[in-house]
C-alpha atoms as a PDB file:
ATOM      1  CA  MET A   1     -15.100  10.115  -7.758  1.00  0.00           C
ATOM      2  CA  GLY A   2     -14.587  10.525  -4.044  1.00  0.00           C
ATOM      3  CA  GLU A   3     -14.784   7.838  -1.408  1.00  0.00           C
ATOM      4  CA  GLU A   4     -17.726   5.447  -1.461  1.00  0.00           C
ATOM      5  CA  LYS A   5     -19.362   5.167   1.945  1.00  0.00           C
ATOM      6  CA  GLY A   6     -19.996   1.730   3.353  1.00  0.00           C
ATOM      7  CA  GLU A   7     -22.241   0.348   6.020  1.00  0.00           C
ATOM      8  CA  MET A   8     -19.412  -0.184   8.505  1.00  0.00           C
ATOM      9  CA  LYS A   9     -19.091   1.964  11.607  1.00  0.00           C
ATOM     10  CA  ALA A  10     -16.194   1.965  14.038  1.00  0.00           C
ATOM     11  CA  LYS A  11     -16.094   3.048  17.658  1.00  0.00           C
ATOM     12  CA  VAL A  12     -13.289   3.569  20.179  1.00  0.00           C
ATOM     13  CA  ASP A  13     -14.055   2.953  23.854  1.00  0.00           C
ATOM     14  CA  GLN A  14     -12.458   6.003  25.439  1.00  0.00           C
ATOM     15  CA  ASN A  15     -12.299   4.280  28.825  1.00  0.00           C
ATOM     16  CA  GLU A  16     -10.183   1.469  27.339  1.00  0.00           C
ATOM     17  CA  CYS A  17      -7.999   3.354  24.816  1.00  0.00           C
ATOM     18  CA  ALA A  18      -4.339   3.370  25.856  1.00  0.00           C
ATOM     19  CA  GLY A  19      -3.240   5.875  23.208  1.00  0.00           C
ATOM     20  CA  SER A  20      -0.849   3.538  21.384  1.00  0.00           C
ATOM     21  CA  GLU A  21      -1.675   5.240  18.047  1.00  0.00           C
ATOM     22  CA  GLU A  22      -1.588   1.840  16.306  1.00  0.00           C
ATOM     23  CA  CYS A  23      -5.036   2.385  14.767  1.00  0.00           C
ATOM     24  CA  VAL A  24      -4.018   5.798  13.417  1.00  0.00           C
ATOM     25  CA  ARG A  25      -0.923   4.300  11.778  1.00  0.00           C
ATOM     26  CA  ILE A  26      -2.940   1.455  10.228  1.00  0.00           C
ATOM     27  CA  CYS A  27      -6.089   3.344   9.215  1.00  0.00           C
ATOM     28  CA  PRO A  28      -5.713   7.152   9.183  1.00  0.00           C
ATOM     29  CA  GLN A  29      -8.839   7.393   6.999  1.00  0.00           C
ATOM     30  CA  VAL A  30     -10.918   6.544  10.078  1.00  0.00           C
ATOM     31  CA  PHE A  31      -8.918   7.185  13.259  1.00  0.00           C
ATOM     32  CA  GLU A  32      -7.160  10.249  14.658  1.00  0.00           C
ATOM     33  CA  MET A  33      -5.555  11.134  17.946  1.00  0.00           C
ATOM     34  CA  ARG A  34      -7.161  13.804  20.113  1.00  0.00           C
ATOM     35  CA  GLY A  35      -4.977  14.392  23.070  1.00  0.00           C
ATOM     36  CA  LYS A  36      -3.966  11.014  24.456  1.00  0.00           C
ATOM     37  CA  THR A  37      -6.738   8.881  22.965  1.00  0.00           C
ATOM     38  CA  SER A  38      -7.875   7.758  19.540  1.00  0.00           C
ATOM     39  CA  HIS A  39     -11.173   8.877  18.035  1.00  0.00           C
ATOM     40  CA  VAL A  40     -13.200   7.907  14.974  1.00  0.00           C
ATOM     41  CA  TYR A  41     -13.697  10.986  12.830  1.00  0.00           C
ATOM     42  CA  VAL A  42     -15.995   9.576  10.118  1.00  0.00           C
ATOM     43  CA  ASP A  43     -19.640   8.547  10.444  1.00  0.00           C
ATOM     44  CA  GLU A  44     -19.202   5.562   8.122  1.00  0.00           C
ATOM     45  CA  VAL A  45     -15.983   3.800   7.180  1.00  0.00           C
ATOM     46  CA  PRO A  46     -15.154   4.330   3.488  1.00  0.00           C
ATOM     47  CA  LYS A  47     -15.467   1.045   1.546  1.00  0.00           C
ATOM     48  CA  GLU A  48     -11.797   1.108   0.547  1.00  0.00           C
ATOM     49  CA  ALA A  49     -10.726   1.425   4.212  1.00  0.00           C
ATOM     50  CA  GLU A  50     -12.808  -1.443   5.639  1.00  0.00           C
ATOM     51  CA  GLY A  51      -9.954  -3.972   5.593  1.00  0.00           C
ATOM     52  CA  GLN A  52      -7.579  -1.537   7.272  1.00  0.00           C
ATOM     53  CA  CYS A  53     -10.231  -0.694   9.858  1.00  0.00           C
ATOM     54  CA  ARG A  54     -10.649  -4.377  10.755  1.00  0.00           C
ATOM     55  CA  LEU A  55      -6.862  -4.729  11.001  1.00  0.00           C
ATOM     56  CA  ALA A  56      -6.713  -1.711  13.323  1.00  0.00           C
ATOM     57  CA  ARG A  57      -9.367  -3.324  15.527  1.00  0.00           C
ATOM     58  CA  ASP A  58      -7.484  -6.622  15.572  1.00  0.00           C
ATOM     59  CA  ARG A  59      -4.155  -4.987  16.417  1.00  0.00           C
ATOM     60  CA  CYS A  60      -5.421  -2.671  19.147  1.00  0.00           C
ATOM     61  CA  PRO A  61      -3.368  -3.718  22.190  1.00  0.00           C
ATOM     62  CA  VAL A  62      -6.274  -3.135  24.585  1.00  0.00           C
ATOM     63  CA  SER A  63      -9.201  -4.160  22.317  1.00  0.00           C
ATOM     64  CA  ALA A  64     -10.764  -0.693  22.548  1.00  0.00           C
ATOM     65  CA  ILE A  65     -12.105  -0.702  18.972  1.00  0.00           C
ATOM     66  CA  THR A  66     -15.426  -2.222  17.973  1.00  0.00           C
ATOM     67  CA  ILE A  67     -16.891  -2.436  14.486  1.00  0.00           C
ATOM     68  CA  GLU A  68     -20.544  -2.559  13.513  1.00  0.00           C
ATOM     69  CA  GLU A  69     -21.264  -4.020  10.073  1.00  0.00           C
END
Protein backbone atom coordinates (compact mmCIF):
# COMPACT_ATOMS: atom_id res chain seq x y z
CA MET A 1 0.00 0.00 0.00
CA GLY A 2 1.20 3.49 -0.76
CA GLU A 3 4.05 4.48 -3.02
CA GLU A 4 7.35 2.65 -2.70
CA LYS A 5 10.26 5.06 -2.42
CA GLY A 6 13.23 4.55 -4.68
CA GLU A 7 16.81 5.68 -4.63
CA MET A 8 16.33 8.23 -7.41
CA LYS A 9 16.43 11.95 -6.70
CA ALA A 10 15.58 14.71 -9.13
CA LYS A 11 16.66 18.34 -9.12
CA VAL A 12 15.64 21.40 -11.15
CA ASP A 13 18.26 24.09 -11.75
CA GLN A 14 16.26 27.22 -10.99
CA ASN A 15 18.70 29.37 -12.96
CA GLU A 16 18.05 27.31 -16.11
CA CYS A 17 14.31 26.52 -15.79
CA ALA A 18 12.27 28.28 -18.47
CA GLY A 19 8.88 27.41 -16.95
CA SER A 20 7.62 25.34 -19.89
CA GLU A 21 5.68 23.06 -17.49
CA GLU A 22 6.63 20.03 -19.62
CA CYS A 23 7.98 18.15 -16.59
CA VAL A 24 4.78 18.79 -14.62
CA ARG A 25 2.67 17.43 -17.48
CA ILE A 26 4.87 14.32 -17.82
CA CYS A 27 5.54 13.58 -14.14
CA PRO A 28 3.20 15.38 -11.71
CA GLN A 29 4.19 12.88 -8.99
CA VAL A 30 7.56 14.65 -8.75
CA PHE A 31 7.35 18.14 -10.27
CA GLU A 32 5.14 21.15 -9.57
CA MET A 33 5.13 24.76 -10.66
CA ARG A 34 5.83 27.46 -8.09
CA GLY A 35 5.41 30.78 -9.73
CA LYS A 36 7.20 30.66 -13.07
CA THR A 37 9.56 27.75 -12.40
CA SER A 38 9.32 24.03 -11.76
CA HIS A 39 10.28 22.48 -8.44
CA VAL A 40 10.74 18.94 -7.16
CA TYR A 41 8.40 18.39 -4.24
CA VAL A 42 9.45 14.88 -3.15
CA ASP A 43 12.69 13.83 -1.45
CA GLU A 44 12.89 10.58 -3.42
CA VAL A 45 11.17 9.72 -6.68
CA PRO A 46 8.54 6.99 -6.18
CA LYS A 47 9.61 3.75 -7.91
CA GLU A 48 6.56 3.78 -10.18
CA ALA A 49 7.39 7.32 -11.39
CA GLU A 50 11.07 6.74 -12.26
CA GLY A 51 10.44 6.22 -15.98
CA GLN A 52 8.28 9.33 -16.20
CA CYS A 53 10.90 11.31 -14.29
CA ARG A 54 13.61 10.30 -16.77
CA LEU A 55 11.29 11.24 -19.65
CA ALA A 56 10.67 14.65 -18.06
CA ARG A 57 14.43 15.17 -17.81
CA ASP A 58 14.93 14.15 -21.43
CA ARG A 59 12.15 16.40 -22.71
CA CYS A 60 13.08 19.51 -20.73
CA PRO A 61 13.68 22.12 -23.44
CA VAL A 62 16.52 23.76 -21.50
CA SER A 63 18.01 20.66 -19.80
CA ALA A 64 17.33 22.07 -16.33
CA ILE A 65 16.55 18.69 -14.74
CA THR A 66 19.20 16.35 -13.36
CA ILE A 67 18.66 12.92 -11.85
CA GLU A 68 20.79 11.17 -9.26
CA GLU A 69 20.43 7.38 -9.15
